[in-house]
Protein backbone atom coordinates (compact mmCIF):
# COMPACT_ATOMS: atom_id res chain seq x y z
CA MET A 1 -101.10 -70.60 33.36
CA LYS A 2 -99.15 -68.05 35.36
CA ASN A 3 -96.57 -68.87 38.03
CA ALA A 4 -96.13 -72.47 36.87
CA ASN A 5 -93.16 -73.14 39.16
CA ARG A 6 -94.92 -71.85 42.26
CA VAL A 7 -98.04 -73.81 41.34
CA ARG A 8 -95.97 -76.98 41.01
CA ILE A 9 -94.37 -76.44 44.43
CA ALA A 10 -97.79 -75.85 45.99
CA GLY A 11 -99.05 -79.05 44.41
CA MET A 12 -96.09 -81.02 45.73
CA ALA A 13 -96.72 -79.53 49.18
CA GLY A 14 -100.30 -80.77 48.96
CA MET A 15 -99.22 -84.28 48.02
CA PHE A 16 -96.71 -84.29 50.88
CA GLY A 17 -99.34 -82.98 53.30
CA ALA A 18 -101.79 -85.69 52.27
CA ALA A 19 -99.17 -88.40 52.78
CA LEU A 20 -98.19 -86.93 56.15
CA TRP A 21 -101.83 -86.73 57.26
CA LEU A 22 -102.34 -90.39 56.31
CA VAL A 23 -99.32 -91.46 58.37
CA ALA A 24 -100.47 -89.32 61.31
CA LEU A 25 -103.95 -90.79 60.99
CA PHE A 26 -102.72 -94.36 61.25
CA ILE A 27 -100.56 -93.45 64.24
CA GLU A 28 -103.54 -91.74 65.89
CA TYR A 29 -105.80 -94.75 65.44
CA GLY A 30 -103.05 -97.27 66.15
CA PHE A 31 -102.13 -95.74 69.52
CA SER A 32 -105.56 -94.22 70.37
CA LEU A 33 -104.15 -90.70 70.41
CA PHE A 34 -107.50 -88.97 70.06
CA PRO A 35 -107.94 -85.45 71.48
CA PRO A 36 -107.93 -84.42 74.20
CA GLY A 37 -104.69 -86.15 75.03
CA SER A 38 -101.26 -85.63 76.51
CA GLY A 39 -97.72 -86.90 76.31
CA ALA A 40 -94.88 -86.61 73.85
CA LEU A 41 -96.35 -89.05 71.31
CA PHE A 42 -99.70 -87.26 71.30
CA THR A 43 -98.00 -83.89 70.81
CA ALA A 44 -95.83 -85.23 67.99
CA ASN A 45 -98.88 -86.74 66.32
CA GLN A 46 -100.81 -83.48 66.52
CA ALA A 47 -97.79 -81.62 65.16
CA MET A 48 -97.91 -83.88 62.09
CA PHE A 49 -101.54 -82.93 61.53
CA PHE A 50 -100.60 -79.26 61.95
CA ILE A 51 -97.90 -79.44 59.27
CA ALA A 52 -100.33 -81.24 56.96
CA GLN A 53 -102.89 -78.48 57.50
CA LEU A 54 -100.33 -75.87 56.49
CA CYS A 55 -99.70 -77.91 53.34
CA TYR A 56 -103.43 -77.85 52.59
CA VAL A 57 -103.40 -74.08 52.89
CA ALA A 58 -100.48 -74.07 50.45
CA VAL A 59 -102.54 -76.12 47.99
CA ILE A 60 -105.35 -73.57 48.13
CA VAL A 61 -102.85 -70.77 47.54
CA GLY A 62 -101.61 -72.83 44.59
CA LEU A 63 -105.14 -72.86 43.18
CA VAL A 64 -105.16 -69.08 43.46
CA TRP A 65 -101.78 -68.80 41.70
CA ALA A 66 -103.05 -71.10 38.96
CA GLY A 67 -106.12 -68.96 38.41
CA ALA A 68 -108.04 -72.20 38.80
CA ALA A 69 -111.33 -70.58 39.84
CA GLY A 70 -111.28 -67.96 37.12
CA SER A 71 -111.19 -64.21 37.58
CA GLY A 72 -114.74 -63.72 38.88
CA LEU A 73 -115.78 -62.60 42.33
CA PHE A 74 -117.35 -65.96 43.20
CA GLY A 75 -114.10 -67.81 42.60
CA ARG A 76 -112.03 -65.36 44.63
CA ILE A 77 -114.45 -65.40 47.57
CA SER A 78 -114.79 -69.18 47.61
CA LEU A 79 -111.03 -69.78 47.56
CA GLY A 80 -110.58 -67.08 50.20
CA LEU A 81 -113.16 -68.74 52.45
CA PHE A 82 -111.53 -72.12 51.84
CA ALA A 83 -108.09 -70.81 52.81
CA PHE A 84 -109.52 -68.91 55.78
CA GLY A 85 -111.17 -72.05 57.15
CA TRP A 86 -108.03 -74.15 57.03
CA THR A 87 -105.89 -71.33 58.42
CA VAL A 88 -108.26 -71.05 61.38
CA LEU A 89 -108.15 -74.82 61.94
CA ALA A 90 -104.35 -74.77 61.86
CA GLY A 91 -104.38 -71.87 64.31
CA ALA A 92 -106.75 -73.73 66.63
CA LEU A 93 -104.51 -76.78 66.62
CA SER A 94 -101.40 -74.72 67.33
CA VAL A 95 -103.15 -73.02 70.27
CA SER A 96 -104.27 -76.36 71.70
CA LEU A 97 -100.70 -77.65 71.56
CA ILE A 98 -99.24 -74.83 73.64
CA SER A 99 -102.03 -74.12 76.13
CA ASP A 100 -105.41 -75.15 77.50
CA SER A 101 -106.98 -71.92 76.30
CA PRO A 102 -110.68 -72.11 75.35
CA VAL A 103 -109.76 -70.15 72.22
CA ALA A 104 -109.07 -73.38 70.36
CA ASP A 105 -112.54 -74.73 71.16
CA ALA A 106 -114.06 -71.51 69.82
CA LEU A 107 -112.00 -71.55 66.63
CA ILE A 108 -112.65 -75.17 65.62
CA PRO A 109 -116.33 -74.79 64.64
CA ILE A 110 -115.57 -71.54 62.79
CA GLY A 111 -112.76 -73.18 60.86
CA GLY A 112 -114.76 -76.35 60.30
CA ILE A 113 -117.75 -74.58 58.77
CA ALA A 114 -115.61 -72.18 56.71
CA SER A 115 -113.37 -74.94 55.35
CA THR A 116 -116.31 -77.18 54.48
CA LEU A 117 -118.40 -74.49 52.80
CA GLY A 118 -115.39 -72.87 51.20
CA GLY A 119 -114.14 -76.20 49.89
CA LEU A 120 -117.49 -77.01 48.29
CA LEU A 121 -117.90 -73.56 46.73
CA ALA A 122 -114.28 -73.48 45.56
CA GLY A 123 -114.72 -76.92 44.01
CA ILE A 124 -117.73 -75.68 42.07
CA ALA A 125 -115.89 -72.54 40.97
CA VAL A 126 -112.84 -74.46 39.75
CA ALA A 127 -114.95 -77.04 37.92
CA VAL A 128 -117.02 -74.36 36.17
CA ALA A 129 -113.95 -72.31 35.23
CA GLY A 130 -112.20 -75.36 33.78
CA ARG A 131 -108.84 -73.59 33.87
CA LEU A 132 -106.90 -76.64 35.06
CA GLY A 133 -108.15 -78.75 32.15
CA GLY A 134 -109.83 -82.15 32.02
CA TRP A 135 -110.07 -84.22 35.20
CA ARG A 136 -107.83 -81.74 37.01
CA SER A 137 -110.60 -79.15 37.15
CA PHE A 138 -112.80 -81.57 39.11
CA ALA A 139 -110.25 -82.53 41.78
CA PRO A 140 -111.22 -79.72 44.23
CA LEU A 141 -114.92 -80.50 43.74
CA ILE A 142 -114.31 -84.15 44.64
CA GLN A 143 -112.69 -82.99 47.88
CA GLY A 144 -115.48 -80.53 48.62
CA LEU A 145 -118.28 -83.03 48.01
CA TYR A 146 -116.57 -85.81 49.93
CA HIS A 147 -115.80 -83.59 52.90
CA SER A 148 -119.35 -82.23 53.00
CA LEU A 149 -121.30 -85.45 52.45
CA VAL A 150 -119.11 -88.09 54.07
CA LEU A 151 -117.35 -86.27 56.94
CA PHE A 152 -119.26 -83.11 57.83
CA LEU A 153 -123.00 -83.79 57.49
CA PRO A 154 -122.89 -87.15 59.34
CA LEU A 155 -121.64 -85.28 62.42
CA PHE A 156 -125.16 -83.91 62.89
CA ALA A 157 -126.34 -87.51 63.23
CA ASP A 158 -123.57 -88.26 65.78
CA ARG A 159 -121.67 -90.35 63.24
CA GLU A 160 -117.95 -89.78 63.69
CA PRO A 161 -115.45 -90.22 60.83
CA THR A 162 -113.63 -93.55 60.69
CA ARG A 163 -110.10 -94.38 59.69
CA VAL A 164 -111.38 -95.53 56.30
CA THR A 165 -113.47 -92.42 55.55
CA GLU A 166 -110.69 -90.09 56.70
CA SER A 167 -108.09 -91.99 54.68
CA LEU A 168 -110.16 -91.67 51.52
CA TRP A 169 -110.65 -87.98 52.20
CA THR A 170 -106.89 -87.58 52.50
CA GLY A 171 -106.64 -89.07 49.04
CA THR A 172 -108.77 -86.24 47.65
CA TRP A 173 -106.16 -83.72 48.84
CA PHE A 174 -103.43 -85.77 47.17
CA LEU A 175 -105.52 -85.62 44.00
CA ILE A 176 -105.69 -81.79 44.15
CA GLY A 177 -101.92 -81.61 44.62
CA LEU A 178 -101.40 -83.97 41.69
CA ALA A 179 -103.75 -81.87 39.57
CA LEU A 180 -101.72 -78.73 40.29
CA VAL A 181 -98.44 -80.45 39.48
CA ALA A 182 -99.85 -81.84 36.22
CA SER A 183 -101.37 -78.49 35.28
CA ALA A 184 -98.12 -76.65 35.98
CA ARG A 185 -96.23 -79.07 33.76
CA GLY A 186 -98.77 -78.59 31.01
CA ALA A 187 -98.32 -74.82 31.26
CA GLU A 188 -94.58 -74.94 30.55
CA PRO A 189 -93.46 -73.62 27.18
CA ALA A 190 -93.13 -76.45 24.69
CA THR A 191 -89.45 -75.72 24.06
CA LYS A 192 -88.71 -75.94 27.76
CA ARG A 193 -90.49 -79.29 28.08
CA GLU A 194 -88.71 -80.63 25.02
CA SER A 195 -85.33 -79.58 26.45
CA LYS A 196 -86.10 -81.37 29.70
CA GLU A 197 -87.13 -84.52 27.88
CA LEU A 198 -83.91 -84.48 25.83
CA VAL A 199 -81.79 -84.11 28.98
CA GLU A 200 -83.69 -86.87 30.78
CA ALA A 201 -83.30 -89.14 27.75
């Protein structure tokens, strides 16, 4: 795997983002800070979600660096759509934090559809390519399927996500980050890994 160090950092960013999202989620539910809202605590809570979203974008970039979806056009397009969706969602959240512009309301459905479809397609591409190896290749697909089936589709039946369903979804992002970190470690030259193990011992 190319760019092992960058892939590892992206994976760690994803794990951090997932943990941050989980904390922000419990604060949101604990203090009923659901949008639209106002006040310093609401703004701080939304800022936590924003940082986590940027971490998710970093994870997707890490998948690109890892060549996780292979070199085909399908893999490149799916990861691009996935990254585009989450970038748009992060942009929408940042706009909503600084103004009451209707731009945010227009961006959210675009980002939501792109991130959901892109996540599912990227998950399929990564699983088929098998570049990450073993269970790691299925981590993005788990996220894509969970997001689509448990969080996105129920919205059409007026069933909102709950703290439990969102928390489990956050865990799927942690799993992708962990997969990248594990894959990056596996890509290190054997002599380098052995040297590290000797030093740690």
